[in-house]
Amino acid sequence: MTTQDIIRLLRAELLTGSADTEVCGCYVGDLLSDVLASAKPDVLWITIQVHRNVVSVASMKDISTVLITCGRKLDTQTIAEARQAGVTVLSTPLTTYEAAGKLWETGLR
């Protein structure tokens, strides 16, 4: 699945990165230590967190794409950091539950 597929499915907005980024799985979590311990590389990470540590964790874990839910957005400095780190970031108006459910229905695990 590509970020473009996710954008269409979840009515998401591309905040930074590429619409052609491939994701090979999904991880849902807001506790950064849990993401550090358990997320796999190249997954779509779904979270409500919008601070700069999201970019740091995504970079450390080689997470290709972060999806911010509930209509939240990163500030301009965090977007710049995500750009520099090569992390694709999307924002959707859907809740985390709704977004994860729609992705599950498509077969993304």
C-alpha atoms as a PDB file:
ATOM      1  CA  MET A   1       0.000   0.000   0.000  1.00  0.00           C
ATOM      2  CA  THR A   2       1.266   3.498  -0.779  1.00  0.00           C
ATOM      3  CA  THR A   3       0.681   6.737   1.035  1.00  0.00           C
ATOM      4  CA  GLN A   4      -1.468   7.813  -1.930  1.00  0.00           C
ATOM      5  CA  ASP A   5      -3.775   4.844  -1.230  1.00  0.00           C
ATOM      6  CA  ILE A   6      -3.940   5.896   2.422  1.00  0.00           C
ATOM      7  CA  ILE A   7      -4.649   9.523   1.503  1.00  0.00           C
ATOM      8  CA  ARG A   8      -7.613   8.462  -0.632  1.00  0.00           C
ATOM      9  CA  LEU A   9      -8.958   5.935   1.867  1.00  0.00           C
ATOM     10  CA  LEU A  10      -8.693   8.122   4.966  1.00  0.00           C
ATOM     11  CA  ARG A  11      -9.235  11.587   3.450  1.00  0.00           C
ATOM     12  CA  ALA A  12      -5.750  12.394   4.687  1.00  0.00           C
ATOM     13  CA  GLU A  13      -3.552  15.372   3.956  1.00  0.00           C
ATOM     14  CA  LEU A  14       0.107  14.965   3.026  1.00  0.00           C
ATOM     15  CA  LEU A  15       2.065  17.215   5.415  1.00  0.00           C
ATOM     16  CA  THR A  16       5.521  16.153   4.287  1.00  0.00           C
ATOM     17  CA  GLY A  17       7.179  13.413   2.272  1.00  0.00           C
ATOM     18  CA  SER A  18       6.061  11.453  -0.741  1.00  0.00           C
ATOM     19  CA  ALA A  19       2.685  10.137  -1.853  1.00  0.00           C
ATOM     20  CA  ASP A  20       4.589   7.184  -3.336  1.00  0.00           C
ATOM     21  CA  THR A  21       5.998   5.905  -0.033  1.00  0.00           C
ATOM     22  CA  GLU A  22       5.300   2.192   0.442  1.00  0.00           C
ATOM     23  CA  VAL A  23       4.143   0.812   3.787  1.00  0.00           C
ATOM     24  CA  CYS A  24       4.279  -2.884   4.592  1.00  0.00           C
ATOM     25  CA  GLY A  25       2.274  -2.980   7.788  1.00  0.00           C
ATOM     26  CA  CYS A  26       0.697  -0.871  10.471  1.00  0.00           C
ATOM     27  CA  TYR A  27       1.417  -0.011  14.099  1.00  0.00           C
ATOM     28  CA  VAL A  28      -0.949   1.926  16.345  1.00  0.00           C
ATOM     29  CA  GLY A  29       0.397   3.549  19.477  1.00  0.00           C
ATOM     30  CA  ASP A  30       0.825   6.798  21.335  1.00  0.00           C
ATOM     31  CA  LEU A  31       3.336   5.656  23.937  1.00  0.00           C
ATOM     32  CA  LEU A  32       6.712   6.375  22.339  1.00  0.00           C
ATOM     33  CA  SER A  33       8.573   3.759  24.385  1.00  0.00           C
ATOM     34  CA  ASP A  34       6.121   1.124  23.138  1.00  0.00           C
ATOM     35  CA  VAL A  35       6.666   2.189  19.530  1.00  0.00           C
ATOM     36  CA  LEU A  36      10.441   2.051  20.072  1.00  0.00           C
ATOM     37  CA  ALA A  37      10.171  -1.438  21.531  1.00  0.00           C
ATOM     38  CA  SER A  38       7.663  -2.987  19.142  1.00  0.00           C
ATOM     39  CA  ALA A  39       7.178  -1.204  15.800  1.00  0.00           C
ATOM     40  CA  LYS A  40       8.775  -2.688  12.698  1.00  0.00           C
ATOM     41  CA  PRO A  41      10.566  -0.721   9.955  1.00  0.00           C
ATOM     42  CA  ASP A  42       8.570   0.567   6.969  1.00  0.00           C
ATOM     43  CA  VAL A  43       5.194   0.449   8.713  1.00  0.00           C
ATOM     44  CA  LEU A  44       2.521   3.103   8.880  1.00  0.00           C
ATOM     45  CA  TRP A  45       2.543   4.412  12.449  1.00  0.00           C
ATOM     46  CA  ILE A  46      -0.832   5.772  13.586  1.00  0.00           C
ATOM     47  CA  THR A  47      -0.773   8.212  16.503  1.00  0.00           C
ATOM     48  CA  ILE A  48      -2.334  11.354  17.934  1.00  0.00           C
ATOM     49  CA  GLN A  49       1.057  12.676  19.057  1.00  0.00           C
ATOM     50  CA  VAL A  50       2.237  15.822  17.267  1.00  0.00           C
ATOM     51  CA  HIS A  51       5.492  16.782  18.979  1.00  0.00           C
ATOM     52  CA  ARG A  52       9.006  16.565  17.572  1.00  0.00           C
ATOM     53  CA  ASN A  53       9.773  13.259  19.319  1.00  0.00           C
ATOM     54  CA  VAL A  54       7.431  11.547  16.853  1.00  0.00           C
ATOM     55  CA  VAL A  55       9.901  12.339  14.084  1.00  0.00           C
ATOM     56  CA  SER A  56      12.827  11.145  16.217  1.00  0.00           C
ATOM     57  CA  VAL A  57      11.147   7.830  17.016  1.00  0.00           C
ATOM     58  CA  ALA A  58      10.094   7.304  13.395  1.00  0.00           C
ATOM     59  CA  SER A  59      13.670   7.950  12.263  1.00  0.00           C
ATOM     60  CA  MET A  60      15.199   5.626  14.858  1.00  0.00           C
ATOM     61  CA  LYS A  61      12.828   2.788  13.929  1.00  0.00           C
ATOM     62  CA  ASP A  62      12.967   3.395  10.138  1.00  0.00           C
ATOM     63  CA  ILE A  63       9.213   3.969  10.126  1.00  0.00           C
ATOM     64  CA  SER A  64       8.393   5.222   6.662  1.00  0.00           C
ATOM     65  CA  THR A  65       5.108   7.009   7.312  1.00  0.00           C
ATOM     66  CA  VAL A  66       3.342   8.548  10.300  1.00  0.00           C
ATOM     67  CA  LEU A  67      -0.409   9.136  10.274  1.00  0.00           C
ATOM     68  CA  ILE A  68      -1.655  11.758  12.736  1.00  0.00           C
ATOM     69  CA  THR A  69      -5.347  11.296  13.578  1.00  0.00           C
ATOM     70  CA  CYS A  70      -8.206  13.473  14.849  1.00  0.00           C
ATOM     71  CA  GLY A  71      -7.301  16.322  12.511  1.00  0.00           C
ATOM     72  CA  ARG A  72      -4.157  17.196  14.431  1.00  0.00           C
ATOM     73  CA  LYS A  73      -1.187  18.641  12.571  1.00  0.00           C
ATOM     74  CA  LEU A  74       2.506  19.114  13.197  1.00  0.00           C
ATOM     75  CA  ASP A  75       3.878  22.607  13.697  1.00  0.00           C
ATOM     76  CA  THR A  76       6.120  24.085  11.008  1.00  0.00           C
ATOM     77  CA  GLN A  77       9.372  23.283  12.822  1.00  0.00           C
ATOM     78  CA  THR A  78       8.399  19.627  13.294  1.00  0.00           C
ATOM     79  CA  ILE A  79       7.366  19.413   9.636  1.00  0.00           C
ATOM     80  CA  ALA A  80      10.800  20.764   8.681  1.00  0.00           C
ATOM     81  CA  GLU A  81      12.453  18.145  10.895  1.00  0.00           C
ATOM     82  CA  ALA A  82      10.345  15.392   9.312  1.00  0.00           C
ATOM     83  CA  ARG A  83      11.337  16.628   5.853  1.00  0.00           C
ATOM     84  CA  GLN A  84      15.014  16.619   6.813  1.00  0.00           C
ATOM     85  CA  ALA A  85      14.700  13.117   8.302  1.00  0.00           C
ATOM     86  CA  GLY A  86      12.842  11.794   5.246  1.00  0.00           C
ATOM     87  CA  VAL A  87       9.725  10.854   7.229  1.00  0.00           C
ATOM     88  CA  THR A  88       6.394  11.057   5.417  1.00  0.00           C
ATOM     89  CA  VAL A  89       3.658  12.525   7.618  1.00  0.00           C
ATOM     90  CA  LEU A  90      -0.081  12.479   6.937  1.00  0.00           C
ATOM     91  CA  SER A  91      -3.005  13.952   8.879  1.00  0.00           C
ATOM     92  CA  THR A  92      -6.561  12.602   8.846  1.00  0.00           C
ATOM     93  CA  PRO A  93      -9.739  13.957  10.420  1.00  0.00           C
ATOM     94  CA  LEU A  94     -10.679  10.391  11.399  1.00  0.00           C
ATOM     95  CA  THR A  95     -10.142   9.029  14.893  1.00  0.00           C
ATOM     96  CA  THR A  96      -7.417   6.488  15.469  1.00  0.00           C
ATOM     97  CA  TYR A  97     -10.053   3.768  15.798  1.00  0.00           C
ATOM     98  CA  GLU A  98     -11.740   4.709  12.513  1.00  0.00           C
ATOM     99  CA  ALA A  99      -8.457   4.961  10.606  1.00  0.00           C
ATOM    100  CA  ALA A 100      -7.135   1.649  11.924  1.00  0.00           C
ATOM    101  CA  GLY A 101     -10.449  -0.063  11.145  1.00  0.00           C
ATOM    102  CA  LYS A 102     -10.493   1.158   7.541  1.00  0.00           C
ATOM    103  CA  LEU A 103      -6.880   0.060   7.047  1.00  0.00           C
ATOM    104  CA  TRP A 104      -7.643  -3.347   8.588  1.00  0.00           C
ATOM    105  CA  GLU A 105     -10.494  -3.786   6.110  1.00  0.00           C
ATOM    106  CA  THR A 106      -8.037  -3.267   3.224  1.00  0.00           C
ATOM    107  CA  GLY A 107      -5.804  -6.034   4.573  1.00  0.00           C
ATOM    108  CA  LEU A 108      -3.032  -3.850   5.991  1.00  0.00           C
ATOM    109  CA  ARG A 109      -1.765  -5.563   9.128  1.00  0.00           C
END
